Structure formats: C-alpha cells, structure tokens
Amino acid sequence: MKAILCYGDSNTWGYVPTENRRYEPENRWTGAMAEALGAGYHIIEEGLPGRTTVHSDPIEGAHKNGLLVLPAILESHAPLDMVILMLGTNDLKKRFSLSPFDIAEGAGTLVHMIKQGTWGIVPKVLLVCPPPVGKLTGGTAQMAEGAGEKSRNLPEQFARVARELDVPWFNAGEVIVPSDRDGIHFEADMQRKLGRAIAERVEEIFAEG
C-alpha cells in the first residue's frame, strides 16, 4: 500500500466557504482522491487553515509556518511514498508583502526538505499550485488586498521551481475555481473535481517509476 501525505492549508483541511466548518471526508479533495485511487493507497490529511509555506504569521501564530512543523510531520508519518504539497494562498496576505517569485521559492524550500528523505526513504513529491484567488469578500478583501493579481502569476513561478528541483507539478487553476462566496475556498463540487484530477496525476507519477 502506498502512503501519500497531503500537506496544505484550509483547502486541504476542507474549509466550507464562509461557514467556518469542515466538509465531510468524502467532500474534501483528499477524500475524493482516495476514492478515485482505491484500496492500494493510504491518504494522510495534513491541512491547517492559515498555513503558509515558510513564514511565521505575526497575527495567527508561528505554528502556521509550514516549514517549522514539516520535519515532525514527515517523521511521524514515515515511511511515505509521496508528499503532495499545496501551499501558497496564505502567503498572498498583505502582511507578508511577498512576490509570486518569493511564494514559489517558499514552496521550493519545502520540496527541498521533503527530498532529503526520512529514515533513509525519499518520497516522491507532487507540487500543486493553488488556483487563482477570486473576488474577495468581507475582511479578507483588506487582509489579502492585491492577492488576485499576484495569484495569477503563481503558475509560472511554481513551474519554474518544479523544473529547478526536478519534481512534477500540477496547476489546480486549470481544473477548478474558488467559490464566489469568498474567493478563496472551494465549493464541494470543486473539491471533488480537484481530488479526481490529482488522483490521475498521482497514478501517472507512480506509473513512471
């Protein structure tokens, strides 16, 4: 059985747009992927709302820093056959003042860490670029001012990092769009659609050896 760790933020956690609750497992992209892949795969969900790539959040806390907690998570779930990494949306918050280049570099730092291996085993990595941010609502519009334009430039930078680190990548924005309700999180049908699409990519990667 192949063990796959899904490391991400609120969209991996399964946040329901504007409702401050979590989708049922079957309506998260991780659950849809597990269903599509079948019994030969063990899917491990590691989503945290607010998680960034490598930045400690001065308001929400240092535990949102994906780099700080990743070593412990990799070790606690070892051995792993693959890590699927989908982060970057929270790096778009105005408080971090990051360019698309820097956000992709942060994701690349995590990829590099994963590729060091744990207990002598190096998992495959699938780098997923989150979809572009839509029209923001409420306080999020101020918190993430300018995020939409920056997010549309992320695929180019994620592709660059993937080439440099020699890992496959997946552009979620080619498959889904965020909810009109908040411009960031995914409706249930988008969650399921993303899970099925990533499952296909995962099967391709394992088939390549």
C-alpha atoms as a PDB file:
ATOM      1  CA  MET A   1       0.000   0.000   0.000  1.00  0.00           C
ATOM      2  CA  LYS A   2       1.324   3.427  -0.978  1.00  0.00           C
ATOM      3  CA  ALA A   3       1.244   6.143   1.691  1.00  0.00           C
ATOM      4  CA  ILE A   4       0.570   9.681   0.467  1.00  0.00           C
ATOM      5  CA  LEU A   5       0.816  12.733   2.714  1.00  0.00           C
ATOM      6  CA  CYS A   6      -1.283  15.745   1.643  1.00  0.00           C
ATOM      7  CA  TYR A   7       0.285  18.866   3.136  1.00  0.00           C
ATOM      8  CA  GLY A   8      -1.697  22.062   2.775  1.00  0.00           C
ATOM      9  CA  ASP A   9      -3.849  24.798   4.245  1.00  0.00           C
ATOM     10  CA  SER A  10      -7.590  25.325   4.770  1.00  0.00           C
ATOM     11  CA  ASN A  11      -8.468  23.972   1.337  1.00  0.00           C
ATOM     12  CA  THR A  12      -6.748  20.689   2.217  1.00  0.00           C
ATOM     13  CA  TRP A  13      -8.388  20.785   5.648  1.00  0.00           C
ATOM     14  CA  GLY A  14     -11.725  21.102   3.830  1.00  0.00           C
ATOM     15  CA  TYR A  15     -12.963  24.551   4.857  1.00  0.00           C
ATOM     16  CA  VAL A  16     -16.516  25.322   3.720  1.00  0.00           C
ATOM     17  CA  PRO A  17     -16.639  28.866   2.251  1.00  0.00           C
ATOM     18  CA  THR A  18     -17.978  31.462   4.748  1.00  0.00           C
ATOM     19  CA  GLU A  19     -19.364  28.785   7.085  1.00  0.00           C
ATOM     20  CA  ASN A  20     -16.446  28.235   9.473  1.00  0.00           C
ATOM     21  CA  ARG A  21     -16.812  24.469   9.349  1.00  0.00           C
ATOM     22  CA  ARG A  22     -15.247  21.486   7.610  1.00  0.00           C
ATOM     23  CA  TYR A  23     -16.537  19.343   4.777  1.00  0.00           C
ATOM     24  CA  GLU A  24     -17.222  15.693   5.433  1.00  0.00           C
ATOM     25  CA  PRO A  25     -14.259  13.485   4.381  1.00  0.00           C
ATOM     26  CA  GLU A  26     -15.882  12.436   1.095  1.00  0.00           C
ATOM     27  CA  ASN A  27     -16.317  16.068   0.046  1.00  0.00           C
ATOM     28  CA  ARG A  28     -12.683  17.059   0.610  1.00  0.00           C
ATOM     29  CA  TRP A  29     -10.295  16.760  -2.324  1.00  0.00           C
ATOM     30  CA  THR A  30      -8.231  14.327  -0.275  1.00  0.00           C
ATOM     31  CA  GLY A  31     -11.264  12.083   0.193  1.00  0.00           C
ATOM     32  CA  ALA A  32     -12.225  12.257  -3.474  1.00  0.00           C
ATOM     33  CA  MET A  33      -8.652  11.389  -4.404  1.00  0.00           C
ATOM     34  CA  ALA A  34      -8.656   8.444  -2.016  1.00  0.00           C
ATOM     35  CA  GLU A  35     -11.880   7.153  -3.551  1.00  0.00           C
ATOM     36  CA  ALA A  36     -10.506   7.516  -7.080  1.00  0.00           C
ATOM     37  CA  LEU A  37      -7.202   5.808  -6.263  1.00  0.00           C
ATOM     38  CA  GLY A  38      -8.770   2.881  -4.441  1.00  0.00           C
ATOM     39  CA  ALA A  39      -7.646   0.420  -1.793  1.00  0.00           C
ATOM     40  CA  GLY A  40      -3.975   0.397  -2.736  1.00  0.00           C
ATOM     41  CA  TYR A  41      -3.375   3.852  -1.273  1.00  0.00           C
ATOM     42  CA  HIS A  42      -3.335   5.301   2.238  1.00  0.00           C
ATOM     43  CA  ILE A  43      -4.109   9.039   2.204  1.00  0.00           C
ATOM     44  CA  ILE A  44      -2.912  11.152   5.133  1.00  0.00           C
ATOM     45  CA  GLU A  45      -4.568  14.565   5.536  1.00  0.00           C
ATOM     46  CA  GLU A  46      -2.375  17.335   6.955  1.00  0.00           C
ATOM     47  CA  GLY A  47      -4.283  20.532   6.244  1.00  0.00           C
ATOM     48  CA  LEU A  48      -4.172  23.550   8.556  1.00  0.00           C
ATOM     49  CA  PRO A  49      -6.172  26.756   7.985  1.00  0.00           C
ATOM     50  CA  GLY A  50      -3.809  29.707   7.646  1.00  0.00           C
ATOM     51  CA  ARG A  51      -0.707  27.619   6.946  1.00  0.00           C
ATOM     52  CA  THR A  52       1.972  29.378   4.911  1.00  0.00           C
ATOM     53  CA  THR A  53       4.974  27.947   3.116  1.00  0.00           C
ATOM     54  CA  VAL A  54       7.818  29.188   5.327  1.00  0.00           C
ATOM     55  CA  HIS A  55       6.505  32.237   7.203  1.00  0.00           C
ATOM     56  CA  SER A  56       5.500  32.580  10.851  1.00  0.00           C
ATOM     57  CA  ASP A  57       2.305  34.605  10.978  1.00  0.00           C
ATOM     58  CA  PRO A  58       2.702  37.615  13.323  1.00  0.00           C
ATOM     59  CA  ILE A  59      -1.047  37.613  13.982  1.00  0.00           C
ATOM     60  CA  GLU A  60      -2.182  33.993  13.742  1.00  0.00           C
ATOM     61  CA  GLY A  61       0.943  32.422  15.231  1.00  0.00           C
ATOM     62  CA  ALA A  62       4.238  30.709  14.440  1.00  0.00           C
ATOM     63  CA  HIS A  63       2.507  27.324  14.184  1.00  0.00           C
ATOM     64  CA  LYS A  64       1.123  28.465  10.810  1.00  0.00           C
ATOM     65  CA  ASN A  65       4.661  28.251   9.398  1.00  0.00           C
ATOM     66  CA  GLY A  66       4.733  25.160   7.185  1.00  0.00           C
ATOM     67  CA  LEU A  67       8.487  24.876   7.425  1.00  0.00           C
ATOM     68  CA  LEU A  68       8.612  24.674  11.232  1.00  0.00           C
ATOM     69  CA  VAL A  69       6.275  21.712  11.614  1.00  0.00           C
ATOM     70  CA  LEU A  70       7.041  19.786   8.432  1.00  0.00           C
ATOM     71  CA  PRO A  71      10.023  17.776   9.779  1.00  0.00           C
ATOM     72  CA  ALA A  72       7.943  16.364  12.643  1.00  0.00           C
ATOM     73  CA  ILE A  73       5.044  15.547  10.323  1.00  0.00           C
ATOM     74  CA  LEU A  74       7.288  13.775   7.835  1.00  0.00           C
ATOM     75  CA  GLU A  75       8.865  11.725  10.586  1.00  0.00           C
ATOM     76  CA  SER A  76       5.612  10.883  12.365  1.00  0.00           C
ATOM     77  CA  HIS A  77       4.054   9.529   9.169  1.00  0.00           C
ATOM     78  CA  ALA A  78       7.145   7.796   7.765  1.00  0.00           C
ATOM     79  CA  PRO A  79       7.658   5.867   5.618  1.00  0.00           C
ATOM     80  CA  LEU A  80       5.967   7.860   2.872  1.00  0.00           C
ATOM     81  CA  ASP A  81       5.760   7.076  -0.821  1.00  0.00           C
ATOM     82  CA  MET A  82       4.649  10.559  -1.858  1.00  0.00           C
ATOM     83  CA  VAL A  83       4.026  14.034  -0.479  1.00  0.00           C
ATOM     84  CA  ILE A  84       1.503  16.276  -2.222  1.00  0.00           C
ATOM     85  CA  LEU A  85       2.242  19.903  -1.364  1.00  0.00           C
ATOM     86  CA  MET A  86      -0.388  22.609  -1.975  1.00  0.00           C
ATOM     87  CA  LEU A  87       0.501  25.843  -0.209  1.00  0.00           C
ATOM     88  CA  GLY A  88       0.908  29.487  -1.179  1.00  0.00           C
ATOM     89  CA  THR A  89      -2.534  31.044  -0.852  1.00  0.00           C
ATOM     90  CA  ASN A  90      -1.909  32.345   2.675  1.00  0.00           C
ATOM     91  CA  ASP A  91       1.445  33.753   1.573  1.00  0.00           C
ATOM     92  CA  LEU A  92      -0.625  36.188  -0.516  1.00  0.00           C
ATOM     93  CA  LYS A  93      -1.808  38.021   2.606  1.00  0.00           C
ATOM     94  CA  LYS A  94      -0.803  41.681   2.544  1.00  0.00           C
ATOM     95  CA  ARG A  95       1.062  41.396   5.857  1.00  0.00           C
ATOM     96  CA  PHE A  96       3.758  39.239   4.229  1.00  0.00           C
ATOM     97  CA  SER A  97       4.400  41.537   1.235  1.00  0.00           C
ATOM     98  CA  LEU A  98       5.630  38.641  -0.911  1.00  0.00           C
ATOM     99  CA  SER A  99       6.031  38.462  -4.672  1.00  0.00           C
ATOM    100  CA  PRO A 100       4.879  35.413  -6.682  1.00  0.00           C
ATOM    101  CA  PHE A 101       8.568  34.576  -7.100  1.00  0.00           C
ATOM    102  CA  ASP A 102       9.116  34.528  -3.336  1.00  0.00           C
ATOM    103  CA  ILE A 103       5.977  32.488  -2.679  1.00  0.00           C
ATOM    104  CA  ALA A 104       7.137  29.836  -5.130  1.00  0.00           C
ATOM    105  CA  GLU A 105      10.585  29.901  -3.543  1.00  0.00           C
ATOM    106  CA  GLY A 106       8.937  29.182  -0.193  1.00  0.00           C
ATOM    107  CA  ALA A 107       7.185  26.177  -1.666  1.00  0.00           C
ATOM    108  CA  GLY A 108      10.501  25.110  -3.153  1.00  0.00           C
ATOM    109  CA  THR A 109      12.127  25.222   0.278  1.00  0.00           C
ATOM    110  CA  LEU A 110       9.560  22.692   1.485  1.00  0.00           C
ATOM    111  CA  VAL A 111      10.125  20.488  -1.563  1.00  0.00           C
ATOM    112  CA  HIS A 112      13.854  20.522  -0.871  1.00  0.00           C
ATOM    113  CA  MET A 113      13.232  19.459   2.724  1.00  0.00           C
ATOM    114  CA  ILE A 114      10.967  16.599   1.645  1.00  0.00           C
ATOM    115  CA  LYS A 115      13.579  15.403  -0.825  1.00  0.00           C
ATOM    116  CA  GLN A 116      16.089  14.955   1.990  1.00  0.00           C
ATOM    117  CA  GLY A 117      14.110  11.892   2.989  1.00  0.00           C
ATOM    118  CA  THR A 118      13.190  10.422   6.360  1.00  0.00           C
ATOM    119  CA  TRP A 119      14.624   7.221   7.781  1.00  0.00           C
ATOM    120  CA  GLY A 120      16.570   6.792   4.561  1.00  0.00           C
ATOM    121  CA  ILE A 121      13.453   6.869   2.360  1.00  0.00           C
ATOM    122  CA  VAL A 122      12.900   9.691  -0.121  1.00  0.00           C
ATOM    123  CA  PRO A 123       9.242  10.117  -1.119  1.00  0.00           C
ATOM    124  CA  LYS A 124       8.092  11.350  -4.483  1.00  0.00           C
ATOM    125  CA  VAL A 125       6.811  14.938  -4.467  1.00  0.00           C
ATOM    126  CA  LEU A 126       3.891  16.472  -6.335  1.00  0.00           C
ATOM    127  CA  LEU A 127       3.921  20.267  -6.145  1.00  0.00           C
ATOM    128  CA  VAL A 128       0.436  21.720  -6.598  1.00  0.00           C
ATOM    129  CA  CYS A 129      -0.077  25.379  -7.455  1.00  0.00           C
ATOM    130  CA  PRO A 130      -3.313  26.636  -5.861  1.00  0.00           C
ATOM    131  CA  PRO A 131      -5.913  28.218  -8.158  1.00  0.00           C
ATOM    132  CA  PRO A 132      -6.011  31.995  -8.580  1.00  0.00           C
ATOM    133  CA  VAL A 133      -7.857  33.932  -5.920  1.00  0.00           C
ATOM    134  CA  GLY A 134     -11.274  35.198  -6.970  1.00  0.00           C
ATOM    135  CA  LYS A 135     -13.254  38.206  -5.785  1.00  0.00           C
ATOM    136  CA  LEU A 136     -12.575  38.614  -2.070  1.00  0.00           C
ATOM    137  CA  THR A 137     -15.317  39.447   0.410  1.00  0.00           C
ATOM    138  CA  GLY A 138     -15.548  40.886   3.913  1.00  0.00           C
ATOM    139  CA  GLY A 139     -12.416  41.412   5.955  1.00  0.00           C
ATOM    140  CA  THR A 140     -10.487  39.087   3.665  1.00  0.00           C
ATOM    141  CA  ALA A 141     -10.614  41.742   0.953  1.00  0.00           C
ATOM    142  CA  GLN A 142      -8.451  44.001   3.122  1.00  0.00           C
ATOM    143  CA  MET A 143      -6.297  41.246   4.597  1.00  0.00           C
ATOM    144  CA  ALA A 144      -5.376  39.930   1.145  1.00  0.00           C
ATOM    145  CA  GLU A 145      -5.532  43.136  -0.891  1.00  0.00           C
ATOM    146  CA  GLY A 146      -3.845  42.565  -4.254  1.00  0.00           C
ATOM    147  CA  ALA A 147      -3.873  38.785  -3.877  1.00  0.00           C
ATOM    148  CA  GLY A 148      -5.845  38.179  -7.058  1.00  0.00           C
ATOM    149  CA  GLU A 149      -3.270  39.705  -9.374  1.00  0.00           C
ATOM    150  CA  LYS A 150      -0.363  38.031  -7.596  1.00  0.00           C
ATOM    151  CA  SER A 151      -2.065  34.643  -7.594  1.00  0.00           C
ATOM    152  CA  ARG A 152      -2.480  34.715 -11.371  1.00  0.00           C
ATOM    153  CA  ASN A 153       1.305  34.832 -11.672  1.00  0.00           C
ATOM    154  CA  LEU A 154       1.909  31.861  -9.387  1.00  0.00           C
ATOM    155  CA  PRO A 155       1.666  29.060 -12.002  1.00  0.00           C
ATOM    156  CA  GLU A 156       4.644  30.401 -13.949  1.00  0.00           C
ATOM    157  CA  GLN A 157       6.738  30.571 -10.790  1.00  0.00           C
ATOM    158  CA  PHE A 158       5.642  27.161  -9.490  1.00  0.00           C
ATOM    159  CA  ALA A 159       6.521  25.662 -12.865  1.00  0.00           C
ATOM    160  CA  ARG A 160       9.966  27.237 -12.605  1.00  0.00           C
ATOM    161  CA  VAL A 161      10.579  25.839  -9.125  1.00  0.00           C
ATOM    162  CA  ALA A 162       9.361  22.391 -10.206  1.00  0.00           C
ATOM    163  CA  ARG A 163      11.838  22.406 -13.096  1.00  0.00           C
ATOM    164  CA  GLU A 164      14.693  23.555 -10.890  1.00  0.00           C
ATOM    165  CA  LEU A 165      14.009  20.881  -8.277  1.00  0.00           C
ATOM    166  CA  ASP A 166      13.108  18.195 -10.817  1.00  0.00           C
ATOM    167  CA  VAL A 167       9.680  17.368  -9.404  1.00  0.00           C
ATOM    168  CA  PRO A 168       6.299  17.071 -11.140  1.00  0.00           C
ATOM    169  CA  TRP A 169       3.766  19.804 -10.596  1.00  0.00           C
ATOM    170  CA  PHE A 170       0.052  20.341 -11.092  1.00  0.00           C
ATOM    171  CA  ASN A 171      -1.798  23.567 -11.801  1.00  0.00           C
ATOM    172  CA  ALA A 172      -5.069  23.414  -9.852  1.00  0.00           C
ATOM    173  CA  GLY A 173      -6.256  26.554 -11.615  1.00  0.00           C
ATOM    174  CA  GLU A 174      -6.610  24.581 -14.838  1.00  0.00           C
ATOM    175  CA  VAL A 175      -9.223  22.378 -13.172  1.00  0.00           C
ATOM    176  CA  ILE A 176     -11.135  24.399 -10.577  1.00  0.00           C
ATOM    177  CA  VAL A 177     -12.023  27.907  -9.417  1.00  0.00           C
ATOM    178  CA  PRO A 178     -12.619  29.142  -5.864  1.00  0.00           C
ATOM    179  CA  SER A 179     -16.082  29.856  -4.528  1.00  0.00           C
ATOM    180  CA  ASP A 180     -17.853  33.098  -5.379  1.00  0.00           C
ATOM    181  CA  ARG A 181     -18.776  33.245  -1.694  1.00  0.00           C
ATOM    182  CA  ASP A 182     -15.292  34.245  -0.522  1.00  0.00           C
ATOM    183  CA  GLY A 183     -12.910  33.985  -3.475  1.00  0.00           C
ATOM    184  CA  ILE A 184     -10.501  31.611  -1.725  1.00  0.00           C
ATOM    185  CA  HIS A 185     -12.106  28.365  -0.606  1.00  0.00           C
ATOM    186  CA  PHE A 186     -13.607  25.617  -2.754  1.00  0.00           C
ATOM    187  CA  GLU A 187     -17.205  24.514  -3.074  1.00  0.00           C
ATOM    188  CA  ALA A 188     -17.802  20.781  -2.588  1.00  0.00           C
ATOM    189  CA  ASP A 189     -18.040  20.044  -6.310  1.00  0.00           C
ATOM    190  CA  MET A 190     -14.698  21.786  -6.886  1.00  0.00           C
ATOM    191  CA  GLN A 191     -13.130  19.849  -4.010  1.00  0.00           C
ATOM    192  CA  ARG A 192     -14.228  16.558  -5.558  1.00  0.00           C
ATOM    193  CA  LYS A 193     -13.193  17.604  -9.061  1.00  0.00           C
ATOM    194  CA  LEU A 194      -9.724  18.557  -7.825  1.00  0.00           C
ATOM    195  CA  GLY A 195      -9.339  15.274  -5.961  1.00  0.00           C
ATOM    196  CA  ARG A 196     -10.162  13.226  -9.036  1.00  0.00           C
ATOM    197  CA  ALA A 197      -7.789  15.252 -11.210  1.00  0.00           C
ATOM    198  CA  ILE A 198      -4.912  14.932  -8.747  1.00  0.00           C
ATOM    199  CA  ALA A 199      -5.573  11.194  -8.477  1.00  0.00           C
ATOM    200  CA  GLU A 200      -4.950  10.881 -12.211  1.00  0.00           C
ATOM    201  CA  ARG A 201      -1.678  12.780 -11.873  1.00  0.00           C
ATOM    202  CA  VAL A 202      -0.615  10.599  -8.944  1.00  0.00           C
ATOM    203  CA  GLU A 203      -1.231   7.435 -10.939  1.00  0.00           C
ATOM    204  CA  GLU A 204       0.831   8.836 -13.800  1.00  0.00           C
ATOM    205  CA  ILE A 205       3.732   9.626 -11.498  1.00  0.00           C
ATOM    206  CA  PHE A 206       3.794   6.153  -9.935  1.00  0.00           C
ATOM    207  CA  ALA A 207       3.481   4.576 -13.387  1.00  0.00           C
ATOM    208  CA  GLU A 208       6.578   6.470 -14.490  1.00  0.00           C
ATOM    209  CA  GLY A 209       8.535   4.734 -11.711  1.00  0.00           C
END
